[in-house]
N, C-alpha and C. Protein backbone atom coordinates (compact mmCIF):
# COMPACT_ATOMS: atom_id res chain seq x y z
N MET A 1 9.38 -64.17 3.91
CA MET A 1 10.04 -64.19 2.48
C MET A 1 9.90 -62.85 1.90
N THR A 2 11.06 -62.27 1.34
CA THR A 2 11.20 -61.04 0.70
C THR A 2 10.59 -61.03 -0.75
N ASP A 3 9.81 -59.84 -1.02
CA ASP A 3 9.36 -59.83 -2.48
C ASP A 3 10.58 -59.29 -3.21
N THR A 4 11.02 -60.06 -4.29
CA THR A 4 12.14 -59.65 -5.07
C THR A 4 11.79 -58.78 -6.31
N THR A 5 10.53 -58.45 -6.56
CA THR A 5 10.16 -57.88 -7.66
C THR A 5 10.86 -56.60 -8.09
N ILE A 6 11.05 -55.70 -7.04
CA ILE A 6 11.78 -54.45 -7.26
C ILE A 6 13.15 -54.71 -7.69
N ALA A 7 13.92 -55.69 -6.85
CA ALA A 7 15.27 -56.01 -7.12
C ALA A 7 15.51 -56.59 -8.54
N LYS A 8 14.60 -57.44 -8.92
CA LYS A 8 14.64 -58.06 -10.26
C LYS A 8 14.47 -56.89 -11.41
N THR A 9 13.56 -56.02 -11.15
CA THR A 9 13.36 -54.90 -12.09
C THR A 9 14.55 -54.02 -12.16
N ILE A 10 15.21 -53.67 -11.07
CA ILE A 10 16.48 -52.88 -11.12
C ILE A 10 17.55 -53.59 -11.81
N LEU A 11 17.67 -54.89 -11.59
CA LEU A 11 18.64 -55.71 -12.48
C LEU A 11 18.40 -55.74 -13.88
N GLU A 12 17.12 -55.88 -14.36
CA GLU A 12 16.77 -55.86 -15.75
C GLU A 12 17.09 -54.34 -16.31
N GLN A 13 16.77 -53.31 -15.54
CA GLN A 13 17.01 -52.06 -16.03
C GLN A 13 18.56 -51.63 -16.17
N LEU A 14 19.42 -52.41 -15.33
CA LEU A 14 20.87 -52.23 -15.54
C LEU A 14 21.32 -53.12 -16.68
N GLY A 15 20.63 -54.10 -17.21
CA GLY A 15 21.03 -54.84 -18.27
C GLY A 15 20.93 -56.39 -18.05
N GLY A 16 20.47 -56.79 -16.88
CA GLY A 16 20.26 -58.22 -16.57
C GLY A 16 21.59 -58.91 -16.58
N LYS A 17 21.53 -60.22 -17.33
CA LYS A 17 22.70 -61.12 -17.33
C LYS A 17 23.86 -60.49 -17.94
N ARG A 18 23.60 -59.70 -19.00
CA ARG A 18 24.77 -58.98 -19.65
C ARG A 18 25.44 -58.12 -18.73
N PHE A 19 24.70 -57.31 -17.96
CA PHE A 19 25.28 -56.42 -16.98
C PHE A 19 26.17 -57.17 -16.00
N ARG A 20 25.62 -58.34 -15.45
CA ARG A 20 26.43 -59.12 -14.54
C ARG A 20 27.80 -59.61 -15.19
N VAL A 21 27.68 -60.01 -16.47
CA VAL A 21 28.87 -60.68 -17.11
C VAL A 21 29.87 -59.51 -17.42
N MET A 22 29.45 -58.38 -17.89
CA MET A 22 30.31 -57.38 -18.32
C MET A 22 30.93 -56.70 -17.13
N THR A 23 30.25 -56.54 -15.98
CA THR A 23 30.85 -55.83 -14.86
C THR A 23 31.50 -56.77 -13.76
N GLY A 24 31.12 -58.07 -13.88
CA GLY A 24 31.82 -58.95 -12.91
C GLY A 24 31.13 -58.73 -11.51
N THR A 25 30.03 -58.21 -11.42
CA THR A 25 29.20 -58.15 -10.17
C THR A 25 28.85 -59.48 -9.66
N HIS A 26 28.74 -59.59 -8.29
CA HIS A 26 28.36 -60.90 -7.72
C HIS A 26 27.82 -60.60 -6.27
N GLY A 27 27.18 -61.59 -5.58
CA GLY A 27 26.72 -61.48 -4.25
C GLY A 27 25.46 -60.50 -4.26
N LEU A 28 24.59 -60.61 -5.39
CA LEU A 28 23.35 -59.82 -5.42
C LEU A 28 22.48 -60.22 -4.28
N MET A 29 21.83 -59.14 -3.72
CA MET A 29 21.01 -59.27 -2.60
C MET A 29 19.65 -58.43 -2.76
N ALA A 30 18.59 -58.99 -2.64
CA ALA A 30 17.36 -58.24 -2.81
C ALA A 30 16.86 -57.80 -1.51
N HIS A 31 16.49 -56.50 -1.41
CA HIS A 31 15.97 -55.83 -0.34
C HIS A 31 14.50 -55.50 -0.66
N PRO A 32 13.63 -55.04 0.29
CA PRO A 32 12.23 -54.78 -0.02
C PRO A 32 12.08 -53.73 -1.07
N ASN A 33 12.91 -52.64 -1.13
CA ASN A 33 12.89 -51.67 -2.22
C ASN A 33 14.23 -51.42 -2.84
N ALA A 34 15.12 -52.42 -2.87
CA ALA A 34 16.49 -52.18 -3.32
C ALA A 34 17.15 -53.36 -3.77
N LEU A 35 18.26 -53.17 -4.45
CA LEU A 35 19.09 -54.25 -5.02
C LEU A 35 20.54 -53.85 -4.56
N SER A 36 21.31 -54.72 -3.96
CA SER A 36 22.70 -54.46 -3.48
C SER A 36 23.60 -55.48 -4.18
N MET A 37 24.87 -55.32 -4.37
CA MET A 37 25.74 -56.20 -5.02
C MET A 37 27.21 -55.85 -4.62
N ARG A 38 28.12 -56.87 -4.83
CA ARG A 38 29.53 -56.46 -4.74
C ARG A 38 30.11 -56.32 -6.03
N LEU A 39 31.10 -55.46 -6.16
CA LEU A 39 31.64 -55.04 -7.30
C LEU A 39 33.21 -55.56 -7.46
N ARG A 40 33.62 -55.84 -8.75
CA ARG A 40 34.99 -56.04 -8.93
C ARG A 40 35.87 -54.90 -8.83
N ARG A 41 37.07 -55.02 -8.98
CA ARG A 41 38.05 -53.83 -8.78
C ARG A 41 37.59 -52.76 -9.98
N ASN A 42 37.60 -51.52 -9.46
CA ASN A 42 37.19 -50.41 -10.36
C ASN A 42 37.96 -49.16 -10.17
N GLN A 43 37.71 -48.13 -10.95
CA GLN A 43 38.66 -46.94 -10.67
C GLN A 43 38.20 -46.20 -9.49
N ALA A 44 36.94 -46.29 -8.99
CA ALA A 44 36.63 -45.54 -7.81
C ALA A 44 37.07 -46.36 -6.44
N GLY A 45 37.55 -47.61 -6.66
CA GLY A 45 37.87 -48.28 -5.37
C GLY A 45 36.65 -48.73 -4.62
N ALA A 46 35.59 -48.70 -5.23
CA ALA A 46 34.36 -49.15 -4.61
C ALA A 46 34.18 -50.65 -4.57
N MET A 47 33.43 -51.11 -3.46
CA MET A 47 33.39 -52.53 -3.31
C MET A 47 31.85 -52.93 -3.35
N TYR A 48 31.07 -51.96 -3.07
CA TYR A 48 29.59 -52.39 -2.75
C TYR A 48 28.80 -51.30 -3.58
N LEU A 49 27.68 -51.73 -4.18
CA LEU A 49 26.63 -50.90 -4.77
C LEU A 49 25.28 -51.25 -4.25
N LYS A 50 24.57 -50.12 -3.92
CA LYS A 50 23.15 -50.43 -3.56
C LYS A 50 22.31 -49.37 -4.31
N ILE A 51 21.24 -49.90 -5.03
CA ILE A 51 20.29 -48.99 -5.75
C ILE A 51 18.98 -49.17 -5.20
N THR A 52 18.37 -48.12 -4.65
CA THR A 52 17.15 -48.06 -3.98
C THR A 52 16.03 -47.24 -4.82
N LEU A 53 14.91 -47.94 -4.81
CA LEU A 53 13.74 -47.19 -5.42
C LEU A 53 13.15 -46.24 -4.45
N ASP A 54 13.04 -45.03 -4.78
CA ASP A 54 12.60 -43.97 -3.98
C ASP A 54 11.05 -43.91 -4.12
N PRO A 55 10.30 -43.15 -3.18
CA PRO A 55 8.79 -42.93 -3.41
C PRO A 55 8.46 -42.12 -4.59
N SER A 56 9.40 -41.29 -5.07
CA SER A 56 9.35 -40.42 -6.25
C SER A 56 9.39 -41.17 -7.60
N ASP A 57 9.58 -42.50 -7.53
CA ASP A 57 9.73 -43.29 -8.70
C ASP A 57 11.02 -42.99 -9.44
N THR A 58 12.18 -42.61 -8.64
CA THR A 58 13.46 -42.53 -9.08
C THR A 58 14.34 -43.28 -8.20
N TYR A 59 15.53 -43.48 -8.55
CA TYR A 59 16.48 -44.28 -7.81
C TYR A 59 17.60 -43.46 -7.15
N THR A 60 18.14 -44.09 -5.95
CA THR A 60 19.29 -43.65 -5.32
C THR A 60 20.35 -44.68 -5.44
N MET A 61 21.48 -44.18 -5.99
CA MET A 61 22.61 -45.15 -6.15
C MET A 61 23.61 -44.96 -5.02
N GLU A 62 24.05 -45.85 -4.28
CA GLU A 62 25.02 -45.54 -3.25
C GLU A 62 26.16 -46.57 -3.49
N VAL A 63 27.36 -45.99 -3.61
CA VAL A 63 28.55 -46.74 -3.90
C VAL A 63 29.50 -46.53 -2.73
N THR A 64 29.99 -47.64 -2.17
CA THR A 64 30.78 -47.56 -0.88
C THR A 64 31.96 -48.56 -1.01
N ARG A 65 32.93 -48.30 -0.17
CA ARG A 65 34.06 -49.22 -0.02
C ARG A 65 34.19 -49.53 1.46
N SER A 66 34.94 -50.45 1.97
CA SER A 66 35.05 -50.77 3.27
C SER A 66 36.57 -50.57 3.69
N ARG A 67 36.63 -50.22 5.02
CA ARG A 67 37.93 -50.28 5.69
C ARG A 67 37.76 -50.79 6.87
N GLY A 68 38.26 -52.02 6.99
CA GLY A 68 38.03 -52.80 8.27
C GLY A 68 36.67 -53.14 8.26
N THR A 69 35.89 -52.86 9.20
CA THR A 69 34.47 -53.20 9.46
C THR A 69 33.51 -52.08 9.06
N GLU A 70 34.04 -50.79 8.74
CA GLU A 70 33.23 -49.72 8.46
C GLU A 70 33.05 -49.53 6.85
N LEU A 71 31.90 -49.02 6.47
CA LEU A 71 31.69 -48.82 5.05
C LEU A 71 31.79 -47.21 4.95
N ILE A 72 32.63 -46.91 3.93
CA ILE A 72 32.91 -45.57 3.59
C ILE A 72 32.26 -45.25 2.32
N PRO A 73 31.38 -44.16 2.26
CA PRO A 73 30.67 -43.82 1.06
C PRO A 73 31.70 -43.20 0.01
N VAL A 74 31.60 -43.70 -1.20
CA VAL A 74 32.35 -43.24 -2.33
C VAL A 74 31.54 -42.10 -2.98
N GLU A 75 30.40 -42.47 -3.34
CA GLU A 75 29.43 -41.44 -4.02
C GLU A 75 28.07 -41.92 -3.86
N THR A 76 27.15 -40.95 -3.70
CA THR A 76 25.73 -41.19 -3.58
C THR A 76 25.08 -40.23 -4.69
N VAL A 77 24.29 -40.80 -5.53
CA VAL A 77 23.55 -40.10 -6.60
C VAL A 77 22.03 -40.26 -6.30
N ASP A 78 21.33 -39.10 -6.19
CA ASP A 78 19.89 -39.14 -5.99
C ASP A 78 19.02 -38.83 -7.20
N GLY A 79 17.92 -39.12 -7.36
CA GLY A 79 16.98 -38.63 -8.48
C GLY A 79 17.39 -39.26 -9.81
N ILE A 80 17.81 -40.47 -9.81
CA ILE A 80 18.23 -41.15 -11.19
C ILE A 80 16.90 -41.88 -11.76
N TYR A 81 16.75 -41.54 -13.00
CA TYR A 81 15.62 -42.20 -13.87
C TYR A 81 16.18 -43.56 -14.25
N PHE A 82 15.30 -44.53 -14.58
CA PHE A 82 15.59 -45.84 -14.90
C PHE A 82 16.63 -45.88 -16.08
N ASP A 83 16.36 -44.95 -16.96
CA ASP A 83 17.20 -45.01 -18.27
C ASP A 83 18.65 -44.39 -18.03
N GLN A 84 18.90 -43.81 -16.80
CA GLN A 84 20.13 -43.26 -16.53
C GLN A 84 21.08 -44.20 -15.63
N LEU A 85 20.52 -45.29 -15.27
CA LEU A 85 21.24 -46.24 -14.28
C LEU A 85 22.54 -46.69 -14.84
N GLN A 86 22.55 -47.16 -16.13
CA GLN A 86 23.84 -47.74 -16.67
C GLN A 86 24.85 -46.62 -16.85
N GLU A 87 24.38 -45.42 -17.43
CA GLU A 87 25.35 -44.32 -17.58
C GLU A 87 25.95 -43.93 -16.28
N ILE A 88 25.13 -43.66 -15.26
CA ILE A 88 25.69 -43.25 -14.04
C ILE A 88 26.63 -44.29 -13.27
N PHE A 89 26.19 -45.52 -13.45
CA PHE A 89 27.04 -46.66 -12.93
C PHE A 89 28.36 -46.63 -13.60
N THR A 90 28.49 -46.42 -14.87
CA THR A 90 29.81 -46.53 -15.53
C THR A 90 30.57 -45.19 -15.20
N ARG A 91 29.97 -44.07 -15.06
CA ARG A 91 30.67 -42.82 -14.76
C ARG A 91 31.26 -42.95 -13.31
N VAL A 92 30.47 -43.53 -12.43
CA VAL A 92 31.07 -43.57 -11.04
C VAL A 92 32.09 -44.57 -10.89
N THR A 93 31.87 -45.92 -11.57
CA THR A 93 32.77 -47.10 -11.24
C THR A 93 33.81 -47.24 -12.30
N GLY A 94 33.57 -46.76 -13.57
CA GLY A 94 34.44 -46.97 -14.73
C GLY A 94 34.28 -48.26 -15.32
N LEU A 95 33.29 -49.09 -14.82
CA LEU A 95 32.97 -50.47 -15.42
C LEU A 95 32.00 -50.27 -16.59
N VAL A 96 32.21 -50.80 -17.62
CA VAL A 96 31.36 -50.68 -18.75
C VAL A 96 30.27 -51.75 -18.80
N THR A 97 29.08 -51.40 -19.07
CA THR A 97 27.93 -52.24 -18.91
C THR A 97 27.45 -52.92 -20.18
N THR A 98 27.87 -52.49 -21.35
CA THR A 98 27.58 -53.10 -22.62
C THR A 98 28.81 -53.18 -23.60
N LEU A 99 28.63 -53.80 -24.50
CA LEU A 99 29.75 -54.05 -25.55
C LEU A 99 29.75 -52.86 -26.50
């Protein structure tokens, strides 16, 4: 059984249920030190998002799209503090996280 504490914390830092409603994300998956999800259509053409907690207590955000069976990186941002997650998500995808 996977400990989902880190994934739940990441989701709450993104905005929780409001984030999911505003952005249309779905297919959330908890990893030991990360949270991944599918994205709706966006300006970057990205389909997947993975946010990983790094040992330095910052986050790495990986945004990818798929072509056939391979994942193609759209953008990777390192060294993100928790209070920057929403801002960087919006900058990369164009999806607004709050009203």
